[in-house]
Amino acid sequence: MESLDADSAKLLQIAANNAKYRQAVESIWKDSDASGLILAHTNAFYVRVDELPKKGFPADADYVVCEVCVDDALVRSELDAHRELLQFALRSNGLRFEEFRIIPARHGMRSRHPFVDR
């Protein structure tokens, strides 16, 4: 990745993170219909640095958050019920983060479906 320009490296990292999310979902929901439903309603998966200062967290360290944006309330509740398993699976796949968030999709985000096979 060091040989790539910044934009290409960022796109490659996003693709790798998305693949790790897909693997984590498929390892928890073994049935392809169940994992397919989760992935079909996932509108975005982000691993990013949160710039807002956090109480009790060192100011010079990066506070990394992992966010899953979902457009369906049933799927959000299913993800929330399996939150700890999902965090463990993501960390087992090599992701490092301090906080895990499940957020609802709003407005234009609802039309994005990066995990639906075309």
PDB file of N, CA and C in Angstrom:
ATOM      1  N   MET A   1       0.819  -1.201   0.000  1.00  0.00           N
ATOM      2  CA  MET A   1       0.000   0.000   0.000  1.00  0.00           C
ATOM      3  C   MET A   1       0.856   1.256   0.000  1.00  0.00           C
ATOM      4  N   GLU A   2       2.131   1.147   0.454  1.00  0.00           N
ATOM      5  CA  GLU A   2       2.998   2.324   0.482  1.00  0.00           C
ATOM      6  C   GLU A   2       3.283   2.867  -0.905  1.00  0.00           C
ATOM      7  N   SER A   3       3.243   1.998  -1.930  1.00  0.00           N
ATOM      8  CA  SER A   3       3.559   2.435  -3.285  1.00  0.00           C
ATOM      9  C   SER A   3       2.388   3.149  -3.965  1.00  0.00           C
ATOM     10  N   LEU A   4       1.203   3.094  -3.387  1.00  0.00           N
ATOM     11  CA  LEU A   4       0.029   3.723  -3.988  1.00  0.00           C
ATOM     12  C   LEU A   4      -0.079   5.187  -3.582  1.00  0.00           C
ATOM     13  N   ASP A   5      -0.757   5.970  -4.423  1.00  0.00           N
ATOM     14  CA  ASP A   5      -1.021   7.352  -4.033  1.00  0.00           C
ATOM     15  C   ASP A   5      -2.095   7.357  -2.937  1.00  0.00           C
ATOM     16  N   ALA A   6      -2.319   8.494  -2.315  1.00  0.00           N
ATOM     17  CA  ALA A   6      -3.212   8.585  -1.152  1.00  0.00           C
ATOM     18  C   ALA A   6      -4.640   8.153  -1.475  1.00  0.00           C
ATOM     19  N   ASP A   7      -5.158   8.569  -2.617  1.00  0.00           N
ATOM     20  CA  ASP A   7      -6.530   8.219  -2.979  1.00  0.00           C
ATOM     21  C   ASP A   7      -6.684   6.719  -3.229  1.00  0.00           C
ATOM     22  N   SER A   8      -5.738   6.128  -3.927  1.00  0.00           N
ATOM     23  CA  SER A   8      -5.802   4.693  -4.204  1.00  0.00           C
ATOM     24  C   SER A   8      -5.667   3.885  -2.917  1.00  0.00           C
ATOM     25  N   ALA A   9      -4.785   4.320  -2.031  1.00  0.00           N
ATOM     26  CA  ALA A   9      -4.604   3.622  -0.754  1.00  0.00           C
ATOM     27  C   ALA A   9      -5.869   3.702   0.088  1.00  0.00           C
ATOM     28  N   LYS A  10      -6.523   4.857   0.057  1.00  0.00           N
ATOM     29  CA  LYS A  10      -7.762   5.025   0.821  1.00  0.00           C
ATOM     30  C   LYS A  10      -8.861   4.108   0.270  1.00  0.00           C
ATOM     31  N   LEU A  11      -8.998   4.047  -1.053  1.00  0.00           N
ATOM     32  CA  LEU A  11     -10.003   3.174  -1.670  1.00  0.00           C
ATOM     33  C   LEU A  11      -9.714   1.705  -1.381  1.00  0.00           C
ATOM     34  N   LEU A  12      -8.450   1.329  -1.395  1.00  0.00           N
ATOM     35  CA  LEU A  12      -8.077  -0.046  -1.085  1.00  0.00           C
ATOM     36  C   LEU A  12      -8.392  -0.382   0.372  1.00  0.00           C
ATOM     37  N   GLN A  13      -8.155   0.568   1.282  1.00  0.00           N
ATOM     38  CA  GLN A  13      -8.463   0.356   2.701  1.00  0.00           C
ATOM     39  C   GLN A  13      -9.967   0.237   2.918  1.00  0.00           C
ATOM     40  N   ILE A  14     -10.755   1.046   2.229  1.00  0.00           N
ATOM     41  CA  ILE A  14     -12.219   0.964   2.334  1.00  0.00           C
ATOM     42  C   ILE A  14     -12.704  -0.402   1.853  1.00  0.00           C
ATOM     43  N   ALA A  15     -12.173  -0.865   0.731  1.00  0.00           N
ATOM     44  CA  ALA A  15     -12.565  -2.179   0.200  1.00  0.00           C
ATOM     45  C   ALA A  15     -12.177  -3.293   1.180  1.00  0.00           C
ATOM     46  N   ALA A  16     -11.015  -3.179   1.794  1.00  0.00           N
ATOM     47  CA  ALA A  16     -10.577  -4.189   2.769  1.00  0.00           C
ATOM     48  C   ALA A  16     -11.481  -4.178   3.993  1.00  0.00           C
ATOM     49  N   ASN A  17     -11.849  -2.985   4.476  1.00  0.00           N
ATOM     50  CA  ASN A  17     -12.743  -2.890   5.634  1.00  0.00           C
ATOM     51  C   ASN A  17     -14.120  -3.456   5.313  1.00  0.00           C
ATOM     52  N   ASN A  18     -14.623  -3.168   4.122  1.00  0.00           N
ATOM     53  CA  ASN A  18     -15.922  -3.714   3.714  1.00  0.00           C
ATOM     54  C   ASN A  18     -15.881  -5.238   3.640  1.00  0.00           C
ATOM     55  N   ALA A  19     -14.777  -5.780   3.157  1.00  0.00           N
ATOM     56  CA  ALA A  19     -14.631  -7.239   3.088  1.00  0.00           C
ATOM     57  C   ALA A  19     -14.600  -7.839   4.495  1.00  0.00           C
ATOM     58  N   LYS A  20     -13.957  -7.163   5.428  1.00  0.00           N
ATOM     59  CA  LYS A  20     -13.905  -7.639   6.817  1.00  0.00           C
ATOM     60  C   LYS A  20     -15.292  -7.599   7.448  1.00  0.00           C
ATOM     61  N   TYR A  21     -16.070  -6.565   7.135  1.00  0.00           N
ATOM     62  CA  TYR A  21     -17.439  -6.485   7.649  1.00  0.00           C
ATOM     63  C   TYR A  21     -18.280  -7.629   7.084  1.00  0.00           C
ATOM     64  N   ARG A  22     -18.180  -7.858   5.781  1.00  0.00           N
ATOM     65  CA  ARG A  22     -18.931  -8.948   5.143  1.00  0.00           C
ATOM     66  C   ARG A  22     -18.568 -10.288   5.787  1.00  0.00           C
ATOM     67  N   GLN A  23     -17.274 -10.537   6.001  1.00  0.00           N
ATOM     68  CA  GLN A  23     -16.829 -11.783   6.631  1.00  0.00           C
ATOM     69  C   GLN A  23     -17.388 -11.915   8.044  1.00  0.00           C
ATOM     70  N   ALA A  24     -17.386 -10.809   8.793  1.00  0.00           N
ATOM     71  CA  ALA A  24     -17.898 -10.841  10.167  1.00  0.00           C
ATOM     72  C   ALA A  24     -19.390 -11.167  10.180  1.00  0.00           C
ATOM     73  N   VAL A  25     -20.153 -10.525   9.301  1.00  0.00           N
ATOM     74  CA  VAL A  25     -21.599 -10.785   9.233  1.00  0.00           C
ATOM     75  C   VAL A  25     -21.854 -12.236   8.842  1.00  0.00           C
ATOM     76  N   GLU A  26     -21.141 -12.721   7.858  1.00  0.00           N
ATOM     77  CA  GLU A  26     -21.354 -14.097   7.403  1.00  0.00           C
ATOM     78  C   GLU A  26     -20.897 -15.121   8.432  1.00  0.00           C
ATOM     79  N   SER A  27     -19.968 -14.758   9.311  1.00  0.00           N
ATOM     80  CA  SER A  27     -19.542 -15.696  10.355  1.00  0.00           C
ATOM     81  C   SER A  27     -20.549 -15.761  11.500  1.00  0.00           C
ATOM     82  N   ILE A  28     -21.315 -14.700  11.707  1.00  0.00           N
ATOM     83  CA  ILE A  28     -22.318 -14.678  12.780  1.00  0.00           C
ATOM     84  C   ILE A  28     -23.641 -15.248  12.289  1.00  0.00           C
ATOM     85  N   TRP A  29     -24.112 -14.774  11.139  1.00  0.00           N
ATOM     86  CA  TRP A  29     -25.352 -15.271  10.557  1.00  0.00           C
ATOM     87  C   TRP A  29     -24.967 -16.267   9.468  1.00  0.00           C
ATOM     88  N   LYS A  30     -24.889 -17.527   9.835  1.00  0.00           N
ATOM     89  CA  LYS A  30     -24.399 -18.583   8.938  1.00  0.00           C
ATOM     90  C   LYS A  30     -25.351 -18.839   7.768  1.00  0.00           C
ATOM     91  N   ASP A  31     -26.647 -18.678   8.001  1.00  0.00           N
ATOM     92  CA  ASP A  31     -27.632 -18.865   6.944  1.00  0.00           C
ATOM     93  C   ASP A  31     -27.461 -17.745   5.914  1.00  0.00           C
ATOM     94  N   SER A  32     -27.345 -18.101   4.643  1.00  0.00           N
ATOM     95  CA  SER A  32     -27.095 -17.089   3.608  1.00  0.00           C
ATOM     96  C   SER A  32     -28.255 -16.104   3.467  1.00  0.00           C
ATOM     97  N   ASP A  33     -29.485 -16.543   3.747  1.00  0.00           N
ATOM     98  CA  ASP A  33     -30.623 -15.622   3.688  1.00  0.00           C
ATOM     99  C   ASP A  33     -30.524 -14.576   4.798  1.00  0.00           C
ATOM    100  N   ALA A  34     -30.135 -15.003   5.991  1.00  0.00           N
ATOM    101  CA  ALA A  34     -30.020 -14.073   7.122  1.00  0.00           C
ATOM    102  C   ALA A  34     -28.869 -13.089   6.905  1.00  0.00           C
ATOM    103  N   SER A  35     -27.702 -13.602   6.531  1.00  0.00           N
ATOM    104  CA  SER A  35     -26.570 -12.692   6.299  1.00  0.00           C
ATOM    105  C   SER A  35     -26.851 -11.799   5.096  1.00  0.00           C
ATOM    106  N   GLY A  36     -27.529 -12.323   4.087  1.00  0.00           N
ATOM    107  CA  GLY A  36     -27.892 -11.517   2.924  1.00  0.00           C
ATOM    108  C   GLY A  36     -28.826 -10.375   3.283  1.00  0.00           C
ATOM    109  N   LEU A  37     -29.763 -10.633   4.204  1.00  0.00           N
ATOM    110  CA  LEU A  37     -30.678  -9.583   4.660  1.00  0.00           C
ATOM    111  C   LEU A  37     -29.918  -8.481   5.385  1.00  0.00           C
ATOM    112  N   ILE A  38     -29.009  -8.872   6.265  1.00  0.00           N
ATOM    113  CA  ILE A  38     -28.194  -7.894   6.998  1.00  0.00           C
ATOM    114  C   ILE A  38     -27.387  -7.054   6.018  1.00  0.00           C
ATOM    115  N   LEU A  39     -26.718  -7.716   5.085  1.00  0.00           N
ATOM    116  CA  LEU A  39     -25.871  -6.997   4.126  1.00  0.00           C
ATOM    117  C   LEU A  39     -26.691  -6.143   3.167  1.00  0.00           C
ATOM    118  N   ALA A  40     -27.875  -6.606   2.787  1.00  0.00           N
ATOM    119  CA  ALA A  40     -28.719  -5.842   1.860  1.00  0.00           C
ATOM    120  C   ALA A  40     -29.208  -4.535   2.482  1.00  0.00           C
ATOM    121  N   HIS A  41     -29.378  -4.523   3.790  1.00  0.00           N
ATOM    122  CA  HIS A  41     -29.860  -3.312   4.460  1.00  0.00           C
ATOM    123  C   HIS A  41     -28.744  -2.489   5.096  1.00  0.00           C
ATOM    124  N   THR A  42     -27.494  -2.896   4.888  1.00  0.00           N
ATOM    125  CA  THR A  42     -26.355  -2.097   5.332  1.00  0.00           C
ATOM    126  C   THR A  42     -26.047  -1.094   4.239  1.00  0.00           C
ATOM    127  N   ASN A  43     -26.135   0.179   4.588  1.00  0.00           N
ATOM    128  CA  ASN A  43     -25.915   1.237   3.607  1.00  0.00           C
ATOM    129  C   ASN A  43     -24.490   1.762   3.593  1.00  0.00           C
ATOM    130  N   ALA A  44     -23.766   1.580   4.675  1.00  0.00           N
ATOM    131  CA  ALA A  44     -22.373   2.014   4.726  1.00  0.00           C
ATOM    132  C   ALA A  44     -21.697   1.373   5.926  1.00  0.00           C
ATOM    133  N   PHE A  45     -20.385   1.214   5.803  1.00  0.00           N
ATOM    134  CA  PHE A  45     -19.560   0.720   6.900  1.00  0.00           C
ATOM    135  C   PHE A  45     -18.334   1.603   6.951  1.00  0.00           C
ATOM    136  N   TYR A  46     -18.140   2.276   8.066  1.00  0.00           N
ATOM    137  CA  TYR A  46     -17.029   3.217   8.219  1.00  0.00           C
ATOM    138  C   TYR A  46     -16.135   2.818   9.377  1.00  0.00           C
ATOM    139  N   VAL A  47     -14.843   2.968   9.184  1.00  0.00           N
ATOM    140  CA  VAL A  47     -13.870   2.922  10.264  1.00  0.00           C
ATOM    141  C   VAL A  47     -13.117   4.234  10.124  1.00  0.00           C
ATOM    142  N   ARG A  48     -13.326   5.128  11.099  1.00  0.00           N
ATOM    143  CA  ARG A  48     -12.774   6.474  10.964  1.00  0.00           C
ATOM    144  C   ARG A  48     -12.313   7.008  12.313  1.00  0.00           C
ATOM    145  N   VAL A  49     -11.517   8.057  12.258  1.00  0.00           N
ATOM    146  CA  VAL A  49     -11.049   8.729  13.463  1.00  0.00           C
ATOM    147  C   VAL A  49     -12.068   9.790  13.834  1.00  0.00           C
ATOM    148  N   ASP A  50     -12.527   9.772  15.085  1.00  0.00           N
ATOM    149  CA  ASP A  50     -13.453  10.784  15.591  1.00  0.00           C
ATOM    150  C   ASP A  50     -12.619  11.917  16.163  1.00  0.00           C
ATOM    151  N   GLU A  51     -12.775  13.097  15.605  1.00  0.00           N
ATOM    152  CA  GLU A  51     -11.956  14.248  15.989  1.00  0.00           C
ATOM    153  C   GLU A  51     -12.393  14.914  17.294  1.00  0.00           C
ATOM    154  N   LEU A  52     -13.616  14.628  17.749  1.00  0.00           N
ATOM    155  CA  LEU A  52     -14.097  15.254  18.979  1.00  0.00           C
ATOM    156  C   LEU A  52     -13.340  14.697  20.182  1.00  0.00           C
ATOM    157  N   PRO A  53     -12.925  15.553  21.112  1.00  0.00           N
ATOM    158  CA  PRO A  53     -12.209  15.060  22.285  1.00  0.00           C
ATOM    159  C   PRO A  53     -13.110  14.174  23.147  1.00  0.00           C
ATOM    160  N   LYS A  54     -12.531  13.118  23.675  1.00  0.00           N
ATOM    161  CA  LYS A  54     -13.260  12.168  24.516  1.00  0.00           C
ATOM    162  C   LYS A  54     -12.728  12.246  25.940  1.00  0.00           C
ATOM    163  N   LYS A  55     -13.636  12.309  26.876  1.00  0.00           N
ATOM    164  CA  LYS A  55     -13.261  12.373  28.279  1.00  0.00           C
ATOM    165  C   LYS A  55     -12.570  11.068  28.684  1.00  0.00           C
ATOM    166  N   GLY A  56     -11.408  11.186  29.302  1.00  0.00           N
ATOM    167  CA  GLY A  56     -10.671  10.022  29.762  1.00  0.00           C
ATOM    168  C   GLY A  56      -9.833   9.343  28.692  1.00  0.00           C
ATOM    169  N   PHE A  57      -9.822   9.875  27.469  1.00  0.00           N
ATOM    170  CA  PHE A  57      -9.035   9.294  26.380  1.00  0.00           C
ATOM    171  C   PHE A  57      -7.892  10.249  26.076  1.00  0.00           C
ATOM    172  N   PRO A  58      -6.686   9.765  25.887  1.00  0.00           N
ATOM    173  CA  PRO A  58      -5.545  10.660  25.629  1.00  0.00           C
ATOM    174  C   PRO A  58      -5.780  11.560  24.419  1.00  0.00           C
ATOM    175  N   ALA A  59      -5.476  12.834  24.573  1.00  0.00           N
ATOM    176  CA  ALA A  59      -5.718  13.805  23.503  1.00  0.00           C
ATOM    177  C   ALA A  59      -4.823  13.570  22.294  1.00  0.00           C
ATOM    178  N   ASP A  60      -3.662  12.986  22.496  1.00  0.00           N
ATOM    179  CA  ASP A  60      -2.731  12.787  21.381  1.00  0.00           C
ATOM    180  C   ASP A  60      -2.947  11.469  20.640  1.00  0.00           C
ATOM    181  N   ALA A  61      -3.878  10.640  21.099  1.00  0.00           N
ATOM    182  CA  ALA A  61      -4.154   9.360  20.448  1.00  0.00           C
ATOM    183  C   ALA A  61      -5.402   9.468  19.567  1.00  0.00           C
ATOM    184  N   ASP A  62      -5.438   8.672  18.524  1.00  0.00           N
ATOM    185  CA  ASP A  62      -6.604   8.647  17.642  1.00  0.00           C
ATOM    186  C   ASP A  62      -7.713   7.821  18.274  1.00  0.00           C
ATOM    187  N   TYR A  63      -8.911   8.399  18.339  1.00  0.00           N
ATOM    188  CA  TYR A  63     -10.097   7.703  18.829  1.00  0.00           C
ATOM    189  C   TYR A  63     -10.827   7.173  17.607  1.00  0.00           C
ATOM    190  N   VAL A  64     -10.710   5.889  17.359  1.00  0.00           N
ATOM    191  CA  VAL A  64     -11.254   5.276  16.153  1.00  0.00           C
ATOM    192  C   VAL A  64     -12.641   4.718  16.445  1.00  0.00           C
ATOM    193  N   VAL A  65     -13.605   5.064  15.587  1.00  0.00           N
ATOM    194  CA  VAL A  65     -14.965   4.545  15.713  1.00  0.00           C
ATOM    195  C   VAL A  65     -15.276   3.683  14.486  1.00  0.00           C
ATOM    196  N   CYS A  66     -16.077   2.692  14.730  1.00  0.00           N
ATOM    197  CA  CYS A  66     -16.552   1.797  13.692  1.00  0.00           C
ATOM    198  C   CYS A  66     -18.059   2.016  13.606  1.00  0.00           C
ATOM    199  N   GLU A  67     -18.554   2.413  12.445  1.00  0.00           N
ATOM    200  CA  GLU A  67     -19.972   2.727  12.288  1.00  0.00           C
ATOM    201  C   GLU A  67     -20.591   1.877  11.188  1.00  0.00           C
ATOM    202  N   VAL A  68     -21.766   1.356  11.498  1.00  0.00           N
ATOM    203  CA  VAL A  68     -22.564   0.620  10.522  1.00  0.00           C
ATOM    204  C   VAL A  68     -23.838   1.422  10.319  1.00  0.00           C
ATOM    205  N   CYS A  69     -24.093   1.819   9.092  1.00  0.00           N
ATOM    206  CA  CYS A  69     -25.284   2.593   8.750  1.00  0.00           C
ATOM    207  C   CYS A  69     -26.298   1.647   8.112  1.00  0.00           C
ATOM    208  N   VAL A  70     -27.498   1.570   8.725  1.00  0.00           N
ATOM    209  CA  VAL A  70     -28.506   0.592   8.315  1.00  0.00           C
ATOM    210  C   VAL A  70     -29.843   1.299   8.075  1.00  0.00           C
ATOM    211  N   ASP A  71     -30.570   0.871   7.032  1.00  0.00           N
ATOM    212  CA  ASP A  71     -31.825   1.545   6.670  1.00  0.00           C
ATOM    213  C   ASP A  71     -33.082   0.867   7.185  1.00  0.00           C
ATOM    214  N   ASP A  72     -32.977  -0.243   7.895  1.00  0.00           N
ATOM    215  CA  ASP A  72     -34.147  -0.977   8.350  1.00  0.00           C
ATOM    216  C   ASP A  72     -34.086  -1.170   9.863  1.00  0.00           C
ATOM    217  N   ALA A  73     -35.182  -0.846  10.560  1.00  0.00           N
ATOM    218  CA  ALA A  73     -35.212  -0.921  12.021  1.00  0.00           C
ATOM    219  C   ALA A  73     -35.048  -2.352  12.523  1.00  0.00           C
ATOM    220  N   LEU A  74     -35.615  -3.315  11.822  1.00  0.00           N
ATOM    221  CA  LEU A  74     -35.487  -4.718  12.224  1.00  0.00           C
ATOM    222  C   LEU A  74     -34.025  -5.171  12.156  1.00  0.00           C
ATOM    223  N   VAL A  75     -33.344  -4.785  11.107  1.00  0.00           N
ATOM    224  CA  VAL A  75     -31.937  -5.155  10.947  1.00  0.00           C
ATOM    225  C   VAL A  75     -31.087  -4.431  11.991  1.00  0.00           C
ATOM    226  N   ARG A  76     -31.398  -3.164  12.264  1.00  0.00           N
ATOM    227  CA  ARG A  76     -30.669  -2.437  13.322  1.00  0.00           C
ATOM    228  C   ARG A  76     -30.810  -3.138  14.662  1.00  0.00           C
ATOM    229  N   SER A  77     -32.012  -3.592  14.988  1.00  0.00           N
ATOM    230  CA  SER A  77     -32.208  -4.276  16.267  1.00  0.00           C
ATOM    231  C   SER A  77     -31.498  -5.623  16.285  1.00  0.00           C
ATOM    232  N   GLU A  78     -31.447  -6.310  15.159  1.00  0.00           N
ATOM    233  CA  GLU A  78     -30.718  -7.576  15.069  1.00  0.00           C
ATOM    234  C   GLU A  78     -29.214  -7.343  15.256  1.00  0.00           C
ATOM    235  N   LEU A  79     -28.689  -6.310  14.627  1.00  0.00           N
ATOM    236  CA  LEU A  79     -27.281  -5.973  14.814  1.00  0.00           C
ATOM    237  C   LEU A  79     -27.001  -5.592  16.264  1.00  0.00           C
ATOM    238  N   ASP A  80     -27.913  -4.841  16.849  1.00  0.00           N
ATOM    239  CA  ASP A  80     -27.737  -4.435  18.240  1.00  0.00           C
ATOM    240  C   ASP A  80     -27.763  -5.641  19.172  1.00  0.00           C
ATOM    241  N   ALA A  81     -28.632  -6.614  18.901  1.00  0.00           N
ATOM    242  CA  ALA A  81     -28.710  -7.816  19.730  1.00  0.00           C
ATOM    243  C   ALA A  81     -27.420  -8.643  19.636  1.00  0.00           C
ATOM    244  N   HIS A  82     -26.746  -8.576  18.505  1.00  0.00           N
ATOM    245  CA  HIS A  82     -25.506  -9.326  18.302  1.00  0.00           C
ATOM    246  C   HIS A  82     -24.279  -8.408  18.321  1.00  0.00           C
ATOM    247  N   ARG A  83     -24.413  -7.254  18.923  1.00  0.00           N
ATOM    248  CA  ARG A  83     -23.362  -6.229  18.946  1.00  0.00           C
ATOM    249  C   ARG A  83     -22.010  -6.781  19.405  1.00  0.00           C
ATOM    250  N   GLU A  84     -21.989  -7.462  20.539  1.00  0.00           N
ATOM    251  CA  GLU A  84     -20.727  -7.952  21.091  1.00  0.00           C
ATOM    252  C   GLU A  84     -20.079  -8.992  20.180  1.00  0.00           C
ATOM    253  N   LEU A  85     -20.883  -9.883  19.622  1.00  0.00           N
ATOM    254  CA  LEU A  85     -20.348 -10.878  18.688  1.00  0.00           C
ATOM    255  C   LEU A  85     -19.782 -10.209  17.433  1.00  0.00           C
ATOM    256  N   LEU A  86     -20.488  -9.208  16.949  1.00  0.00           N
ATOM    257  CA  LEU A  86     -20.038  -8.500  15.757  1.00  0.00           C
ATOM    258  C   LEU A  86     -18.733  -7.747  16.018  1.00  0.00           C
ATOM    259  N   GLN A  87     -18.648  -7.081  17.170  1.00  0.00           N
ATOM    260  CA  GLN A  87     -17.406  -6.389  17.519  1.00  0.00           C
ATOM    261  C   GLN A  87     -16.245  -7.375  17.617  1.00  0.00           C
ATOM    262  N   PHE A  88     -16.493  -8.518  18.263  1.00  0.00           N
ATOM    263  CA  PHE A  88     -15.452  -9.530  18.389  1.00  0.00           C
ATOM    264  C   PHE A  88     -15.010 -10.038  17.019  1.00  0.00           C
ATOM    265  N   ALA A  89     -15.971 -10.311  16.137  1.00  0.00           N
ATOM    266  CA  ALA A  89     -15.649 -10.806  14.799  1.00  0.00           C
ATOM    267  C   ALA A  89     -14.864  -9.766  13.998  1.00  0.00           C
ATOM    268  N   LEU A  90     -15.246  -8.498  14.107  1.00  0.00           N
ATOM    269  CA  LEU A  90     -14.523  -7.440  13.395  1.00  0.00           C
ATOM    270  C   LEU A  90     -13.099  -7.305  13.919  1.00  0.00           C
ATOM    271  N   ARG A  91     -12.952  -7.355  15.232  1.00  0.00           N
ATOM    272  CA  ARG A  91     -11.599  -7.269  15.818  1.00  0.00           C
ATOM    273  C   ARG A  91     -10.780  -8.505  15.458  1.00  0.00           C
ATOM    274  N   SER A  92     -11.414  -9.657  15.398  1.00  0.00           N
ATOM    275  CA  SER A  92     -10.712 -10.882  14.999  1.00  0.00           C
ATOM    276  C   SER A  92     -10.253 -10.805  13.548  1.00  0.00           C
ATOM    277  N   ASN A  93     -10.966 -10.036  12.733  1.00  0.00           N
ATOM    278  CA  ASN A  93     -10.588  -9.832  11.331  1.00  0.00           C
ATOM    279  C   ASN A  93      -9.542  -8.744  11.159  1.00  0.00           C
ATOM    280  N   GLY A  94      -9.063  -8.170  12.259  1.00  0.00           N
ATOM    281  CA  GLY A  94      -7.961  -7.215  12.176  1.00  0.00           C
ATOM    282  C   GLY A  94      -8.325  -5.761  12.319  1.00  0.00           C
ATOM    283  N   LEU A  95      -9.580  -5.430  12.550  1.00  0.00           N
ATOM    284  CA  LEU A  95      -9.949  -4.024  12.740  1.00  0.00           C
ATOM    285  C   LEU A  95      -9.690  -3.609  14.182  1.00  0.00           C
ATOM    286  N   ARG A  96      -9.215  -2.404  14.362  1.00  0.00           N
ATOM    287  CA  ARG A  96      -8.974  -1.850  15.693  1.00  0.00           C
ATOM    288  C   ARG A  96      -9.806  -0.585  15.849  1.00  0.00           C
ATOM    289  N   PHE A  97     -10.632  -0.545  16.892  1.00  0.00           N
ATOM    290  CA  PHE A  97     -11.472   0.620  17.142  1.00  0.00           C
ATOM    291  C   PHE A  97     -11.821   0.681  18.611  1.00  0.00           C
ATOM    292  N   GLU A  98     -12.170   1.890  19.076  1.00  0.00           N
ATOM    293  CA  GLU A  98     -12.532   2.114  20.473  1.00  0.00           C
ATOM    294  C   GLU A  98     -14.040   2.038  20.695  1.00  0.00           C
ATOM    295  N   GLU A  99     -14.804   2.401  19.679  1.00  0.00           N
ATOM    296  CA  GLU A  99     -16.262   2.463  19.844  1.00  0.00           C
ATOM    297  C   GLU A  99     -16.948   1.898  18.611  1.00  0.00           C
ATOM    298  N   PHE A 100     -18.071   1.205  18.833  1.00  0.00           N
ATOM    299  CA  PHE A 100     -18.861   0.629  17.753  1.00  0.00           C
ATOM    300  C   PHE A 100     -20.233   1.282  17.767  1.00  0.00           C
ATOM    301  N   ARG A 101     -20.669   1.792  16.623  1.00  0.00           N
ATOM    302  CA  ARG A 101     -21.952   2.483  16.529  1.00  0.00           C
ATOM    303  C   ARG A 101     -22.802   1.875  15.419  1.00  0.00           C
ATOM    304  N   ILE A 102     -24.094   1.753  15.701  1.00  0.00           N
ATOM    305  CA  ILE A 102     -25.076   1.347  14.692  1.00  0.00           C
ATOM    306  C   ILE A 102     -25.977   2.558  14.500  1.00  0.00           C
ATOM    307  N   ILE A 103     -25.972   3.127  13.305  1.00  0.00           N
ATOM    308  CA  ILE A 103     -26.700   4.366  13.070  1.00  0.00           C
ATOM    309  C   ILE A 103     -27.729   4.169  11.955  1.00  0.00           C
ATOM    310  N   PRO A 104     -28.846   4.886  12.042  1.00  0.00           N
ATOM    311  CA  PRO A 104     -29.865   4.762  10.984  1.00  0.00           C
ATOM    312  C   PRO A 104     -29.459   5.534   9.729  1.00  0.00           C
ATOM    313  N   ALA A 105     -29.800   4.984   8.582  1.00  0.00           N
ATOM    314  CA  ALA A 105     -29.568   5.669   7.308  1.00  0.00           C
ATOM    315  C   ALA A 105     -30.619   6.755   7.142  1.00  0.00           C
ATOM    316  N   ARG A 106     -30.198   7.880   6.642  1.00  0.00           N
ATOM    317  CA  ARG A 106     -31.113   8.994   6.430  1.00  0.00           C
ATOM    318  C   ARG A 106     -30.930   9.558   5.011  1.00  0.00           C
ATOM    319  N   HIS A 107     -31.981  10.090   4.486  1.00  0.00           N
ATOM    320  CA  HIS A 107     -31.995  10.810   3.207  1.00  0.00           C
ATOM    321  C   HIS A 107     -31.339   9.992   2.093  1.00  0.00           C
ATOM    322  N   GLY A 108     -30.329  10.550   1.425  1.00  0.00           N
ATOM    323  CA  GLY A 108     -29.694   9.905   0.283  1.00  0.00           C
ATOM    324  C   GLY A 108     -28.927   8.642   0.636  1.00  0.00           C
ATOM    325  N   MET A 109     -28.536   8.520   1.892  1.00  0.00           N
ATOM    326  CA  MET A 109     -27.790   7.340   2.319  1.00  0.00           C
ATOM    327  C   MET A 109     -28.625   6.067   2.168  1.00  0.00           C
ATOM    328  N   ARG A 110     -29.934   6.193   2.248  1.00  0.00           N
ATOM    329  CA  ARG A 110     -30.817   5.023   2.163  1.00  0.00           C
ATOM    330  C   ARG A 110     -30.754   4.344   0.790  1.00  0.00           C
ATOM    331  N   SER A 111     -30.314   5.049  -0.221  1.00  0.00           N
ATOM    332  CA  SER A 111     -30.260   4.474  -1.561  1.00  0.00           C
ATOM    333  C   SER A 111     -28.937   3.747  -1.839  1.00  0.00           C
ATOM    334  N   ARG A 112     -27.979   3.840  -0.926  1.00  0.00           N
ATOM    335  CA  ARG A 112     -26.694   3.168  -1.107  1.00  0.00           C
ATOM    336  C   ARG A 112     -26.783   1.730  -0.595  1.00  0.00           C
ATOM    337  N   HIS A 113     -26.259   0.798  -1.355  1.00  0.00           N
ATOM    338  CA  HIS A 113     -26.249  -0.614  -0.967  1.00  0.00           C
ATOM    339  C   HIS A 113     -24.939  -1.246  -1.419  1.00  0.00           C
ATOM    340  N   PRO A 114     -23.842  -0.969  -0.721  1.00  0.00           N
ATOM    341  CA  PRO A 114     -22.536  -1.451  -1.185  1.00  0.00           C
ATOM    342  C   PRO A 114     -22.323  -2.957  -1.055  1.00  0.00           C
ATOM    343  N   PHE A 115     -23.166  -3.648  -0.301  1.00  0.00           N
ATOM    344  CA  PHE A 115     -22.973  -5.070  -0.074  1.00  0.00           C
ATOM    345  C   PHE A 115     -23.927  -5.949  -0.873  1.00  0.00           C
ATOM    346  N   VAL A 116     -24.728  -5.358  -1.731  1.00  0.00           N
ATOM    347  CA  VAL A 116     -25.627  -6.112  -2.593  1.00  0.00           C
ATOM    348  C   VAL A 116     -24.843  -6.498  -3.842  1.00  0.00           C
ATOM    349  N   ASP A 117     -24.808  -7.780  -4.138  1.00  0.00           N
ATOM    350  CA  ASP A 117     -24.106  -8.248  -5.331  1.00  0.00           C
ATOM    351  C   ASP A 117     -24.898  -7.846  -6.567  1.00  0.00           C
ATOM    352  N   ARG A 118     -24.240  -7.189  -7.456  1.00  0.00           N
ATOM    353  CA  ARG A 118     -24.879  -6.703  -8.672  1.00  0.00           C
ATOM    354  C   ARG A 118     -24.881  -7.780  -9.744  1.00  0.00           C
TER     355      ARG A 118
END
